[in-house]
C-alpha atoms as a PDB file:
ATOM      1  CA  MET A   1     -80.958 204.555  36.373  1.00  0.00           C
ATOM      2  CA  ALA A   2     -83.938 206.139  38.180  1.00  0.00           C
ATOM      3  CA  ASP A   3     -82.557 208.635  40.491  1.00  0.00           C
ATOM      4  CA  PRO A   4     -79.299 210.213  40.668  1.00  0.00           C
ATOM      5  CA  PRO A   5     -76.671 208.403  42.740  1.00  0.00           C
ATOM      6  CA  ILE A   6     -74.843 209.208  46.274  1.00  0.00           C
ATOM      7  CA  VAL A   7     -71.104 209.061  45.836  1.00  0.00           C
ATOM      8  CA  VAL A   8     -69.141 207.871  48.871  1.00  0.00           C
ATOM      9  CA  LYS A   9     -65.388 208.145  49.089  1.00  0.00           C
ATOM     10  CA  LEU A  10     -63.793 206.384  51.823  1.00  0.00           C
ATOM     11  CA  GLY A  11     -60.391 207.556  52.399  1.00  0.00           C
ATOM     12  CA  GLY A  12     -57.393 205.666  53.120  1.00  0.00           C
ATOM     13  CA  SER A  13     -56.586 207.345  55.934  1.00  0.00           C
ATOM     14  CA  VAL A  14     -59.779 205.904  57.637  1.00  0.00           C
ATOM     15  CA  VAL A  15     -59.740 202.546  56.217  1.00  0.00           C
ATOM     16  CA  THR A  16     -55.999 201.916  57.093  1.00  0.00           C
ATOM     17  CA  ARG A  17     -53.250 203.082  59.121  1.00  0.00           C
ATOM     18  CA  LYS A  18     -51.418 205.485  56.824  1.00  0.00           C
ATOM     19  CA  ARG A  19     -48.114 205.283  58.941  1.00  0.00           C
ATOM     20  CA  GLN A  20     -47.757 201.597  59.176  1.00  0.00           C
ATOM     21  CA  ALA A  21     -47.502 199.611  55.743  1.00  0.00           C
ATOM     22  CA  GLU A  22     -50.579 197.674  54.801  1.00  0.00           C
ATOM     23  CA  ARG A  23     -52.260 197.944  58.118  1.00  0.00           C
ATOM     24  CA  LEU A  24     -56.153 197.867  57.782  1.00  0.00           C
ATOM     25  CA  ARG A  25     -58.567 199.551  60.513  1.00  0.00           C
ATOM     26  CA  PRO A  26     -60.780 196.302  60.356  1.00  0.00           C
ATOM     27  CA  LYS A  27     -63.040 197.633  63.184  1.00  0.00           C
ATOM     28  CA  VAL A  28     -63.958 200.799  61.561  1.00  0.00           C
ATOM     29  CA  LEU A  29     -63.954 199.340  57.937  1.00  0.00           C
ATOM     30  CA  GLU A  30     -66.642 196.718  58.968  1.00  0.00           C
ATOM     31  CA  ARG A  31     -68.456 199.874  61.032  1.00  0.00           C
ATOM     32  CA  LEU A  32     -68.580 201.783  57.868  1.00  0.00           C
ATOM     33  CA  GLY A  33     -69.290 198.660  55.534  1.00  0.00           C
ATOM     34  CA  THR A  34     -72.575 198.426  58.171  1.00  0.00           C
ATOM     35  CA  GLU A  35     -73.276 202.381  58.184  1.00  0.00           C
ATOM     36  CA  LEU A  36     -73.244 202.203  54.086  1.00  0.00           C
ATOM     37  CA  ALA A  37     -75.429 198.925  53.509  1.00  0.00           C
ATOM     38  CA  ASP A  38     -78.037 198.945  56.310  1.00  0.00           C
ATOM     39  CA  PRO A  39     -80.368 200.144  56.075  1.00  0.00           C
ATOM     40  CA  PRO A  40     -79.598 200.515  52.242  1.00  0.00           C
ATOM     41  CA  THR A  41     -79.067 203.335  50.102  1.00  0.00           C
ATOM     42  CA  PRO A  42     -80.734 203.182  46.863  1.00  0.00           C
ATOM     43  CA  GLY A  43     -78.305 204.391  44.108  1.00  0.00           C
ATOM     44  CA  LEU A  44     -74.920 204.035  45.978  1.00  0.00           C
ATOM     45  CA  ILE A  45     -71.455 204.585  44.383  1.00  0.00           C
ATOM     46  CA  VAL A  46     -68.757 203.742  47.195  1.00  0.00           C
ATOM     47  CA  LEU A  47     -64.769 204.566  46.046  1.00  0.00           C
ATOM     48  CA  HIS A  48     -62.057 204.300  48.220  1.00  0.00           C
ATOM     49  CA  GLY A  49     -58.483 205.495  48.498  1.00  0.00           C
ATOM     50  CA  ALA A  50     -55.307 203.201  48.635  1.00  0.00           C
ATOM     51  CA  GLY A  51     -53.960 204.701  52.195  1.00  0.00           C
ATOM     52  CA  SER A  52     -51.270 202.598  53.707  1.00  0.00           C
ATOM     53  CA  PHE A  53     -51.460 199.675  50.689  1.00  0.00           C
ATOM     54  CA  GLY A  54     -50.766 202.386  47.671  1.00  0.00           C
ATOM     55  CA  HIS A  55     -49.283 205.424  48.618  1.00  0.00           C
ATOM     56  CA  PRO A  56     -45.784 204.294  49.775  1.00  0.00           C
ATOM     57  CA  GLY A  57     -45.229 202.226  46.646  1.00  0.00           C
ATOM     58  CA  ALA A  58     -46.560 205.025  44.305  1.00  0.00           C
ATOM     59  CA  ARG A  59     -44.234 207.350  46.261  1.00  0.00           C
ATOM     60  CA  ARG A  60     -40.980 204.774  45.665  1.00  0.00           C
ATOM     61  CA  PHE A  61     -41.463 204.411  42.200  1.00  0.00           C
ATOM     62  CA  GLY A  62     -42.620 207.801  41.168  1.00  0.00           C
ATOM     63  CA  LEU A  63     -45.934 206.804  39.656  1.00  0.00           C
ATOM     64  CA  ALA A  64     -47.120 210.286  40.278  1.00  0.00           C
ATOM     65  CA  ARG A  65     -44.556 212.211  38.195  1.00  0.00           C
ATOM     66  CA  ALA A  66     -42.773 211.747  34.820  1.00  0.00           C
ATOM     67  CA  PRO A  67     -39.952 209.223  34.741  1.00  0.00           C
ATOM     68  CA  ALA A  68     -36.587 210.617  34.488  1.00  0.00           C
ATOM     69  CA  ASP A  69     -34.771 208.430  32.014  1.00  0.00           C
ATOM     70  CA  PRO A  70     -35.337 205.022  30.551  1.00  0.00           C
ATOM     71  CA  ALA A  71     -34.104 202.957  33.562  1.00  0.00           C
ATOM     72  CA  GLU A  72     -36.337 204.617  35.755  1.00  0.00           C
ATOM     73  CA  ALA A  73     -39.307 203.873  33.191  1.00  0.00           C
ATOM     74  CA  ARG A  74     -38.402 200.331  33.283  1.00  0.00           C
ATOM     75  CA  ALA A  75     -38.767 200.207  36.927  1.00  0.00           C
ATOM     76  CA  ARG A  76     -41.746 202.139  36.861  1.00  0.00           C
ATOM     77  CA  ASP A  77     -43.548 199.458  34.727  1.00  0.00           C
ATOM     78  CA  ARG A  78     -42.877 196.720  37.440  1.00  0.00           C
ATOM     79  CA  GLY A  79     -43.585 199.201  40.632  1.00  0.00           C
ATOM     80  CA  GLY A  80     -46.974 199.888  38.849  1.00  0.00           C
ATOM     81  CA  ALA A  81     -47.831 196.238  38.850  1.00  0.00           C
ATOM     82  CA  ILE A  82     -46.448 195.783  42.471  1.00  0.00           C
ATOM     83  CA  VAL A  83     -48.748 199.043  43.581  1.00  0.00           C
ATOM     84  CA  ALA A  84     -51.741 197.881  41.774  1.00  0.00           C
ATOM     85  CA  ARG A  85     -51.477 194.471  43.425  1.00  0.00           C
ATOM     86  CA  GLU A  86     -51.277 195.827  46.642  1.00  0.00           C
ATOM     87  CA  VAL A  87     -54.358 198.058  46.269  1.00  0.00           C
ATOM     88  CA  ARG A  88     -56.393 195.320  44.904  1.00  0.00           C
ATOM     89  CA  ARG A  89     -55.905 193.439  48.613  1.00  0.00           C
ATOM     90  CA  LEU A  90     -57.384 196.487  50.014  1.00  0.00           C
ATOM     91  CA  HIS A  91     -60.063 196.422  47.549  1.00  0.00           C
ATOM     92  CA  ASN A  92     -61.214 193.046  48.317  1.00  0.00           C
ATOM     93  CA  GLU A  93     -61.236 193.895  51.782  1.00  0.00           C
ATOM     94  CA  VAL A  94     -63.457 196.816  51.472  1.00  0.00           C
ATOM     95  CA  LEU A  95     -65.948 194.548  49.390  1.00  0.00           C
ATOM     96  CA  ARG A  96     -65.842 191.928  51.887  1.00  0.00           C
ATOM     97  CA  ALA A  97     -66.806 194.627  54.255  1.00  0.00           C
ATOM     98  CA  LEU A  98     -69.986 195.667  52.249  1.00  0.00           C
ATOM     99  CA  ILE A  99     -70.901 192.186  51.084  1.00  0.00           C
ATOM    100  CA  ASP A 100     -70.882 191.082  54.770  1.00  0.00           C
ATOM    101  CA  ALA A 101     -73.195 193.975  55.614  1.00  0.00           C
ATOM    102  CA  GLY A 102     -75.384 192.988  52.948  1.00  0.00           C
ATOM    103  CA  ALA A 103     -74.632 195.428  50.237  1.00  0.00           C
ATOM    104  CA  PRO A 104     -74.773 193.818  46.664  1.00  0.00           C
ATOM    105  CA  ALA A 105     -71.069 195.312  45.783  1.00  0.00           C
ATOM    106  CA  TYR A 106     -69.808 195.003  42.210  1.00  0.00           C
ATOM    107  CA  SER A 107     -66.086 195.834  41.650  1.00  0.00           C
ATOM    108  CA  VAL A 108     -65.416 198.237  38.692  1.00  0.00           C
ATOM    109  CA  PRO A 109     -61.526 198.719  38.425  1.00  0.00           C
ATOM    110  CA  ALA A 110     -60.544 202.105  37.179  1.00  0.00           C
ATOM    111  CA  HIS A 111     -57.661 201.023  35.107  1.00  0.00           C
ATOM    112  CA  LEU A 112     -60.411 199.472  32.445  1.00  0.00           C
ATOM    113  CA  HIS A 113     -62.380 202.601  32.060  1.00  0.00           C
ATOM    114  CA  ALA A 114     -59.793 205.527  32.665  1.00  0.00           C
ATOM    115  CA  ARG A 115     -56.629 206.565  30.678  1.00  0.00           C
ATOM    116  CA  ASN A 116     -54.599 209.615  31.976  1.00  0.00           C
ATOM    117  CA  ARG A 117     -52.286 211.774  30.016  1.00  0.00           C
ATOM    118  CA  GLU A 118     -49.191 212.869  31.795  1.00  0.00           C
ATOM    119  CA  GLY A 119     -50.706 212.170  35.481  1.00  0.00           C
ATOM    120  CA  GLN A 120     -53.980 213.821  34.619  1.00  0.00           C
ATOM    121  CA  LEU A 121     -57.124 212.238  33.709  1.00  0.00           C
ATOM    122  CA  ALA A 122     -57.662 212.001  30.095  1.00  0.00           C
ATOM    123  CA  ALA A 123     -60.640 209.589  29.260  1.00  0.00           C
ATOM    124  CA  PHE A 124     -63.197 208.224  31.291  1.00  0.00           C
ATOM    125  CA  ASP A 125     -65.920 205.911  30.778  1.00  0.00           C
ATOM    126  CA  GLU A 126     -68.803 205.954  33.668  1.00  0.00           C
ATOM    127  CA  GLY A 127     -70.783 203.277  31.653  1.00  0.00           C
ATOM    128  CA  PRO A 128     -69.900 200.393  34.003  1.00  0.00           C
ATOM    129  CA  PHE A 129     -71.088 202.506  37.026  1.00  0.00           C
ATOM    130  CA  VAL A 130     -74.528 203.241  35.221  1.00  0.00           C
ATOM    131  CA  ARG A 131     -75.133 200.090  34.321  1.00  0.00           C
ATOM    132  CA  ALA A 132     -74.356 198.460  37.845  1.00  0.00           C
ATOM    133  CA  LEU A 133     -76.663 201.001  39.276  1.00  0.00           C
ATOM    134  CA  ALA A 134     -79.436 200.036  36.888  1.00  0.00           C
ATOM    135  CA  ALA A 135     -79.106 196.445  38.050  1.00  0.00           C
ATOM    136  CA  GLY A 136     -79.335 197.396  41.386  1.00  0.00           C
ATOM    137  CA  TRP A 137     -75.680 196.720  42.263  1.00  0.00           C
ATOM    138  CA  VAL A 138     -73.285 199.001  44.610  1.00  0.00           C
ATOM    139  CA  PRO A 139     -70.593 199.730  42.095  1.00  0.00           C
ATOM    140  CA  VAL A 140     -67.119 200.051  44.084  1.00  0.00           C
ATOM    141  CA  SER A 141     -64.139 201.577  42.482  1.00  0.00           C
ATOM    142  CA  PHE A 142     -60.768 202.785  44.136  1.00  0.00           C
ATOM    143  CA  GLY A 143     -57.626 204.829  43.284  1.00  0.00           C
ATOM    144  CA  ASP A 144     -55.704 202.810  40.594  1.00  0.00           C
ATOM    145  CA  VAL A 145     -52.709 202.645  38.396  1.00  0.00           C
ATOM    146  CA  VAL A 146     -53.990 203.374  34.799  1.00  0.00           C
ATOM    147  CA  PRO A 147     -52.526 203.547  31.560  1.00  0.00           C
ATOM    148  CA  ASP A 148     -51.035 206.649  30.759  1.00  0.00           C
ATOM    149  CA  GLU A 149     -50.547 207.995  26.954  1.00  0.00           C
ATOM    150  CA  VAL A 150     -47.104 209.646  28.097  1.00  0.00           C
ATOM    151  CA  TRP A 151     -45.742 208.279  30.932  1.00  0.00           C
ATOM    152  CA  GLY A 152     -46.814 204.746  30.425  1.00  0.00           C
ATOM    153  CA  GLN A 153     -48.583 204.437  33.842  1.00  0.00           C
ATOM    154  CA  SER A 154     -49.611 206.784  36.445  1.00  0.00           C
ATOM    155  CA  ILE A 155     -51.957 207.075  39.509  1.00  0.00           C
ATOM    156  CA  LEU A 156     -55.632 208.070  39.127  1.00  0.00           C
ATOM    157  CA  SER A 157     -56.874 208.824  42.384  1.00  0.00           C
ATOM    158  CA  ALA A 158     -60.361 208.088  44.004  1.00  0.00           C
ATOM    159  CA  ASP A 159     -60.895 212.062  44.657  1.00  0.00           C
ATOM    160  CA  THR A 160     -60.602 212.153  40.882  1.00  0.00           C
ATOM    161  CA  LEU A 161     -63.080 209.416  40.419  1.00  0.00           C
ATOM    162  CA  ALA A 162     -65.499 211.396  42.792  1.00  0.00           C
ATOM    163  CA  LEU A 163     -65.244 214.294  41.170  1.00  0.00           C
ATOM    164  CA  GLU A 164     -65.772 212.760  37.706  1.00  0.00           C
ATOM    165  CA  LEU A 165     -68.891 210.401  38.700  1.00  0.00           C
ATOM    166  CA  GLY A 166     -70.226 213.228  40.888  1.00  0.00           C
ATOM    167  CA  ARG A 167     -70.437 215.638  37.683  1.00  0.00           C
ATOM    168  CA  ARG A 168     -71.298 213.218  34.856  1.00  0.00           C
ATOM    169  CA  LEU A 169     -73.990 211.426  36.990  1.00  0.00           C
ATOM    170  CA  HIS A 170     -75.666 214.858  38.692  1.00  0.00           C
ATOM    171  CA  ALA A 171     -75.136 212.933  42.143  1.00  0.00           C
ATOM    172  CA  ARG A 172     -77.448 213.837  44.920  1.00  0.00           C
ATOM    173  CA  ARG A 173     -74.275 214.761  47.047  1.00  0.00           C
ATOM    174  CA  VAL A 174     -70.699 213.545  47.088  1.00  0.00           C
ATOM    175  CA  VAL A 175     -69.448 212.359  50.559  1.00  0.00           C
ATOM    176  CA  PHE A 176     -65.923 212.437  51.367  1.00  0.00           C
ATOM    177  CA  VAL A 177     -65.205 210.076  54.644  1.00  0.00           C
ATOM    178  CA  SER A 178     -61.854 210.808  56.361  1.00  0.00           C
ATOM    179  CA  ASP A 179     -59.814 210.566  59.421  1.00  0.00           C
ATOM    180  CA  VAL A 180     -60.773 214.491  60.410  1.00  0.00           C
ATOM    181  CA  PRO A 181     -64.210 215.912  61.281  1.00  0.00           C
ATOM    182  CA  GLY A 182     -64.185 218.171  58.554  1.00  0.00           C
ATOM    183  CA  ILE A 183     -61.639 221.242  56.884  1.00  0.00           C
ATOM    184  CA  LEU A 184     -59.770 222.398  59.927  1.00  0.00           C
ATOM    185  CA  ARG A 185     -60.034 226.162  60.416  1.00  0.00           C
ATOM    186  CA  SER A 186     -56.136 226.190  62.049  1.00  0.00           C
ATOM    187  CA  PRO A 187     -53.571 224.031  63.111  1.00  0.00           C
ATOM    188  CA  GLU A 188     -53.877 225.079  66.732  1.00  0.00           C
ATOM    189  CA  PRO A 189     -53.846 222.760  69.629  1.00  0.00           C
ATOM    190  CA  GLY A 190     -57.093 222.024  71.264  1.00  0.00           C
ATOM    191  CA  PRO A 191     -60.548 221.018  69.966  1.00  0.00           C
ATOM    192  CA  PRO A 192     -60.814 221.292  66.198  1.00  0.00           C
ATOM    193  CA  ARG A 193     -62.419 224.207  64.794  1.00  0.00           C
ATOM    194  CA  ILE A 194     -63.588 223.304  61.391  1.00  0.00           C
ATOM    195  CA  PHE A 195     -65.058 225.351  58.229  1.00  0.00           C
ATOM    196  CA  ALA A 196     -69.156 224.371  58.360  1.00  0.00           C
ATOM    197  CA  ARG A 197     -69.217 225.640  54.690  1.00  0.00           C
ATOM    198  CA  TRP A 198     -66.575 225.898  52.076  1.00  0.00           C
ATOM    199  CA  THR A 199     -66.121 227.860  49.161  1.00  0.00           C
ATOM    200  CA  ARG A 200     -63.499 228.708  46.503  1.00  0.00           C
ATOM    201  CA  GLY A 201     -62.449 231.959  48.257  1.00  0.00           C
ATOM    202  CA  ASP A 202     -61.559 229.577  51.362  1.00  0.00           C
ATOM    203  CA  LEU A 203     -58.760 227.993  49.049  1.00  0.00           C
ATOM    204  CA  PRO A 204     -55.916 230.462  49.187  1.00  0.00           C
ATOM    205  CA  GLY A 205     -55.610 230.227  53.552  1.00  0.00           C
ATOM    206  CA  LEU A 206     -55.762 226.236  53.355  1.00  0.00           C
ATOM    207  CA  ARG A 207     -53.096 224.465  54.692  1.00  0.00           C
ATOM    208  CA  GLY A 208     -52.220 220.822  54.341  1.00  0.00           C
ATOM    209  CA  GLY A 209     -52.053 218.723  57.699  1.00  0.00           C
ATOM    210  CA  PRO A 210     -49.333 216.836  58.889  1.00  0.00           C
ATOM    211  CA  GLY A 211     -49.398 212.851  58.148  1.00  0.00           C
ATOM    212  CA  ALA A 212     -47.983 209.945  56.091  1.00  0.00           C
ATOM    213  CA  PRO A 213     -47.051 210.769  52.273  1.00  0.00           C
ATOM    214  CA  ASP A 214     -49.997 211.279  50.033  1.00  0.00           C
ATOM    215  CA  VAL A 215     -49.259 211.155  46.394  1.00  0.00           C
ATOM    216  CA  THR A 216     -52.896 212.313  45.517  1.00  0.00           C
ATOM    217  CA  GLY A 217     -52.890 215.932  47.077  1.00  0.00           C
ATOM    218  CA  GLY A 218     -54.443 215.150  50.249  1.00  0.00           C
ATOM    219  CA  ILE A 219     -56.883 217.277  51.786  1.00  0.00           C
ATOM    220  CA  ARG A 220     -56.047 220.143  49.618  1.00  0.00           C
ATOM    221  CA  ARG A 221     -57.317 218.128  46.637  1.00  0.00           C
ATOM    222  CA  LYS A 222     -60.455 216.951  48.544  1.00  0.00           C
ATOM    223  CA  ALA A 223     -61.294 220.913  49.183  1.00  0.00           C
ATOM    224  CA  GLU A 224     -60.667 221.462  45.473  1.00  0.00           C
ATOM    225  CA  VAL A 225     -62.951 218.812  44.098  1.00  0.00           C
ATOM    226  CA  MET A 226     -65.578 219.723  46.755  1.00  0.00           C
ATOM    227  CA  VAL A 227     -65.732 223.208  45.309  1.00  0.00           C
ATOM    228  CA  ALA A 228     -65.520 222.008  41.742  1.00  0.00           C
ATOM    229  CA  LEU A 229     -68.559 219.703  42.611  1.00  0.00           C
ATOM    230  CA  ALA A 230     -70.518 222.489  44.458  1.00  0.00           C
ATOM    231  CA  GLU A 231     -70.336 224.673  41.195  1.00  0.00           C
ATOM    232  CA  ALA A 232     -71.450 222.183  39.300  1.00  0.00           C
ATOM    233  CA  GLY A 233     -74.602 221.941  40.939  1.00  0.00           C
ATOM    234  CA  VAL A 234     -73.614 218.525  43.200  1.00  0.00           C
ATOM    235  CA  PRO A 235     -73.369 219.206  47.424  1.00  0.00           C
ATOM    236  CA  ALA A 236     -70.166 217.665  48.463  1.00  0.00           C
ATOM    237  CA  GLY A 237     -69.112 217.042  52.201  1.00  0.00           C
ATOM    238  CA  LEU A 238     -66.302 216.093  54.373  1.00  0.00           C
ATOM    239  CA  VAL A 239     -67.292 213.774  57.549  1.00  0.00           C
ATOM    240  CA  SER A 240     -65.220 211.757  60.027  1.00  0.00           C
ATOM    241  CA  GLY A 241     -65.270 208.102  59.646  1.00  0.00           C
ATOM    242  CA  LEU A 242     -63.921 207.848  62.987  1.00  0.00           C
ATOM    243  CA  VAL A 243     -67.277 208.951  64.411  1.00  0.00           C
ATOM    244  CA  PRO A 244     -69.823 206.383  64.835  1.00  0.00           C
ATOM    245  CA  GLY A 245     -72.802 207.047  62.329  1.00  0.00           C
ATOM    246  CA  ALA A 246     -71.223 210.309  60.925  1.00  0.00           C
ATOM    247  CA  ALA A 247     -71.319 208.402  57.203  1.00  0.00           C
ATOM    248  CA  ARG A 248     -74.747 207.166  57.631  1.00  0.00           C
ATOM    249  CA  ARG A 249     -76.013 210.528  58.686  1.00  0.00           C
ATOM    250  CA  ALA A 250     -74.208 212.322  55.792  1.00  0.00           C
ATOM    251  CA  LEU A 251     -76.236 209.861  53.417  1.00  0.00           C
ATOM    252  CA  ARG A 252     -79.594 210.928  54.750  1.00  0.00           C
ATOM    253  CA  ASP A 253     -79.658 214.231  56.527  1.00  0.00           C
ATOM    254  CA  GLU A 254     -80.793 216.837  54.543  1.00  0.00           C
ATOM    255  CA  PRO A 255     -78.643 219.488  55.020  1.00  0.00           C
ATOM    256  CA  PRO A 256     -76.143 217.317  57.043  1.00  0.00           C
ATOM    257  CA  PRO A 257     -75.139 219.402  60.355  1.00  0.00           C
ATOM    258  CA  PHE A 258     -72.100 218.344  60.806  1.00  0.00           C
ATOM    259  CA  GLY A 259     -68.812 218.399  58.890  1.00  0.00           C
ATOM    260  CA  THR A 260     -67.592 220.575  55.907  1.00  0.00           C
ATOM    261  CA  TRP A 261     -69.867 221.168  53.281  1.00  0.00           C
ATOM    262  CA  ALA A 262     -69.614 222.917  50.330  1.00  0.00           C
ATOM    263  CA  LEU A 263     -73.106 223.586  48.697  1.00  0.00           C
ATOM    264  CA  PRO A 264     -74.156 224.807  45.197  1.00  0.00           C
END
């Protein structure tokens, strides 16, 4: 791997309609695939969330918390298999969008290379990503159901993957592509006002936004990850994938003049 990679995480809220079960935004996904792949970005890693393909099932089967009793643990095993199957349907669509746009996308399922303990990441092997990058491919991974040393199975979010890959591979930057233009300053009506720069001191005042259930922490988790990345020396930003060209510009502009950014 000659140069540090850029890590892009496509939020489930932008590539799916999170209030409607298993509903893609096909035109948005197709455009984002083109923005990421044309022209090619050397050293690109793409991650994506589960959106309406994963969050409802994860909540239904309690995959983000400890099982309450043996009966729930048994149901959880079947539920984990169901959620993993549905998320892979979305993963195939993301791969299709990237491949159709000309990217040499290479699937790297997280459950083969990561392990949780009580819902928190306990072990992670970045080797498959490094090898894919060295071969000139675009490794693509996603929020997944992974083995859990205590709970049996639990959720590993794509936000956590972005944090681990950004820090371990000393990424040039990490870009979160969402359905909002940045981290909102207030929930008041009218044109959105966003933070241009984001720091640890801003975290206590952050309020979660409205929307469909999110078992992986929503905007607060992304804000925390952005701060952690910046403190590790990796620029991290949040931009809107609903604005044509924003994702493409976030890969190439130095420094980006839009969205919310946590900088070293």
